[in-house]
Amino acid sequence: MTFFRQNIAPFLIVLIFVVALVAVSARAFLPDDMAQPAPVEEGISSWASTMNIDG
């Protein structure tokens, strides 16, 4: 248990941090049109009518 707590757990924490950092930093290298948030053209009411949900 000590080996896990002193070696494996810190490695996993650092690994998760590095993966998250790379994922966030990758946006800088995307083309400008792909770095923008996805467009939202329809509201929830049109989605609900498409899915035949009463609302």
N, C-alpha and C. Protein backbone atom coordinates (compact mmCIF):
# COMPACT_ATOMS: atom_id res chain seq x y z
N MET A 1 0.83 -1.20 0.00
CA MET A 1 0.00 0.00 0.00
C MET A 1 0.87 1.26 0.00
N THR A 2 2.00 1.19 0.68
CA THR A 2 2.90 2.34 0.72
C THR A 2 3.48 2.63 -0.66
N PHE A 3 3.81 1.58 -1.40
CA PHE A 3 4.33 1.76 -2.75
C PHE A 3 3.33 2.49 -3.63
N PHE A 4 2.06 2.09 -3.52
CA PHE A 4 1.01 2.76 -4.31
C PHE A 4 0.88 4.22 -3.91
N ARG A 5 0.87 4.48 -2.61
CA ARG A 5 0.65 5.84 -2.11
C ARG A 5 1.83 6.76 -2.44
N GLN A 6 3.03 6.22 -2.45
CA GLN A 6 4.20 7.07 -2.66
C GLN A 6 4.64 7.14 -4.11
N ASN A 7 4.29 6.16 -4.92
CA ASN A 7 4.79 6.14 -6.30
C ASN A 7 3.69 6.20 -7.35
N ILE A 8 2.72 5.33 -7.25
CA ILE A 8 1.70 5.20 -8.29
C ILE A 8 0.70 6.36 -8.25
N ALA A 9 0.18 6.68 -7.08
CA ALA A 9 -0.84 7.74 -6.97
C ALA A 9 -0.31 9.10 -7.43
N PRO A 10 0.87 9.54 -6.99
CA PRO A 10 1.38 10.82 -7.51
C PRO A 10 1.60 10.80 -9.02
N PHE A 11 2.06 9.66 -9.55
CA PHE A 11 2.26 9.55 -10.99
C PHE A 11 0.93 9.69 -11.73
N LEU A 12 -0.12 9.05 -11.22
CA LEU A 12 -1.43 9.16 -11.86
C LEU A 12 -1.96 10.58 -11.81
N ILE A 13 -1.75 11.26 -10.70
CA ILE A 13 -2.21 12.65 -10.58
C ILE A 13 -1.48 13.54 -11.58
N VAL A 14 -0.18 13.39 -11.67
CA VAL A 14 0.60 14.19 -12.62
C VAL A 14 0.22 13.84 -14.05
N LEU A 15 0.00 12.57 -14.33
CA LEU A 15 -0.40 12.15 -15.67
C LEU A 15 -1.73 12.76 -16.08
N ILE A 16 -2.71 12.75 -15.18
CA ILE A 16 -4.01 13.37 -15.47
C ILE A 16 -3.85 14.87 -15.71
N PHE A 17 -3.03 15.52 -14.90
CA PHE A 17 -2.79 16.95 -15.07
C PHE A 17 -2.16 17.24 -16.43
N VAL A 18 -1.17 16.45 -16.82
CA VAL A 18 -0.49 16.68 -18.09
C VAL A 18 -1.44 16.45 -19.27
N VAL A 19 -2.27 15.42 -19.19
CA VAL A 19 -3.23 15.17 -20.26
C VAL A 19 -4.22 16.33 -20.38
N ALA A 20 -4.69 16.83 -19.25
CA ALA A 20 -5.61 17.97 -19.27
C ALA A 20 -4.92 19.22 -19.82
N LEU A 21 -3.69 19.43 -19.44
CA LEU A 21 -2.94 20.59 -19.93
C LEU A 21 -2.72 20.52 -21.44
N VAL A 22 -2.40 19.35 -21.94
CA VAL A 22 -2.21 19.18 -23.39
C VAL A 22 -3.53 19.39 -24.12
N ALA A 23 -4.63 18.88 -23.57
CA ALA A 23 -5.93 19.04 -24.22
C ALA A 23 -6.33 20.51 -24.30
N VAL A 24 -6.08 21.26 -23.24
CA VAL A 24 -6.44 22.68 -23.23
C VAL A 24 -5.49 23.47 -24.13
N SER A 25 -4.22 23.13 -24.10
CA SER A 25 -3.24 23.86 -24.90
C SER A 25 -3.37 23.57 -26.39
N ALA A 26 -3.95 22.45 -26.75
CA ALA A 26 -4.07 22.08 -28.16
C ALA A 26 -4.95 23.05 -28.92
N ARG A 27 -5.82 23.77 -28.23
CA ARG A 27 -6.68 24.74 -28.92
C ARG A 27 -5.87 25.83 -29.59
N ALA A 28 -4.69 26.12 -29.09
CA ALA A 28 -3.86 27.17 -29.69
C ALA A 28 -3.38 26.77 -31.08
N PHE A 29 -3.32 25.48 -31.36
CA PHE A 29 -2.79 25.01 -32.63
C PHE A 29 -3.89 24.64 -33.62
N LEU A 30 -5.14 24.75 -33.23
CA LEU A 30 -6.24 24.47 -34.14
C LEU A 30 -6.42 25.63 -35.11
N PRO A 31 -6.95 25.37 -36.30
CA PRO A 31 -7.30 26.49 -37.18
C PRO A 31 -8.32 27.40 -36.49
N ASP A 32 -8.33 28.66 -36.86
CA ASP A 32 -9.18 29.63 -36.18
C ASP A 32 -10.65 29.25 -36.20
N ASP A 33 -11.12 28.67 -37.28
CA ASP A 33 -12.54 28.35 -37.34
C ASP A 33 -12.89 27.15 -36.46
N MET A 34 -11.91 26.31 -36.13
CA MET A 34 -12.20 25.16 -35.28
C MET A 34 -12.02 25.48 -33.80
N ALA A 35 -11.33 26.57 -33.47
CA ALA A 35 -11.07 26.92 -32.08
C ALA A 35 -12.26 27.61 -31.44
N GLN A 36 -13.24 28.00 -32.23
CA GLN A 36 -14.42 28.68 -31.70
C GLN A 36 -15.38 27.68 -31.07
N PRO A 37 -16.20 28.14 -30.15
CA PRO A 37 -17.23 27.24 -29.61
C PRO A 37 -18.22 26.84 -30.71
N ALA A 38 -18.86 25.73 -30.52
CA ALA A 38 -19.83 25.24 -31.50
C ALA A 38 -21.00 26.22 -31.57
N PRO A 39 -21.50 26.52 -32.77
CA PRO A 39 -22.62 27.44 -32.89
C PRO A 39 -23.91 26.81 -32.37
N VAL A 40 -24.71 27.64 -31.74
CA VAL A 40 -26.01 27.19 -31.24
C VAL A 40 -27.05 27.96 -32.03
N GLU A 41 -27.72 27.28 -32.95
CA GLU A 41 -28.69 27.95 -33.81
C GLU A 41 -30.12 27.70 -33.39
N GLU A 42 -30.36 26.60 -32.72
CA GLU A 42 -31.73 26.25 -32.35
C GLU A 42 -31.85 26.21 -30.83
N GLY A 43 -33.01 26.61 -30.35
CA GLY A 43 -33.27 26.56 -28.93
C GLY A 43 -33.81 25.21 -28.52
N ILE A 44 -34.13 25.10 -27.27
CA ILE A 44 -34.64 23.83 -26.73
C ILE A 44 -36.05 23.55 -27.25
N SER A 45 -36.81 24.60 -27.58
CA SER A 45 -38.18 24.36 -28.04
C SER A 45 -38.19 23.66 -29.40
N SER A 46 -37.28 24.03 -30.30
CA SER A 46 -37.26 23.36 -31.60
C SER A 46 -36.74 21.93 -31.45
N TRP A 47 -35.84 21.71 -30.52
CA TRP A 47 -35.35 20.35 -30.26
C TRP A 47 -36.48 19.50 -29.69
N ALA A 48 -37.27 20.08 -28.78
CA ALA A 48 -38.36 19.34 -28.17
C ALA A 48 -39.43 18.99 -29.20
N SER A 49 -39.70 19.91 -30.13
CA SER A 49 -40.70 19.60 -31.15
C SER A 49 -40.18 18.54 -32.12
N THR A 50 -38.90 18.55 -32.38
CA THR A 50 -38.31 17.52 -33.25
C THR A 50 -38.38 16.15 -32.60
N MET A 51 -38.19 16.11 -31.29
CA MET A 51 -38.18 14.85 -30.57
C MET A 51 -39.59 14.44 -30.11
N ASN A 52 -40.61 15.20 -30.50
CA ASN A 52 -42.00 14.94 -30.13
C ASN A 52 -42.19 14.90 -28.62
N ILE A 53 -41.64 15.91 -27.96
CA ILE A 53 -41.79 16.04 -26.51
C ILE A 53 -42.78 17.16 -26.24
N ASP A 54 -43.77 16.88 -25.43
CA ASP A 54 -44.75 17.92 -25.08
C ASP A 54 -44.09 18.88 -24.10
N GLY A 55 -44.25 20.18 -24.37
CA GLY A 55 -43.61 21.10 -23.46
C GLY A 55 -44.06 22.49 -23.58
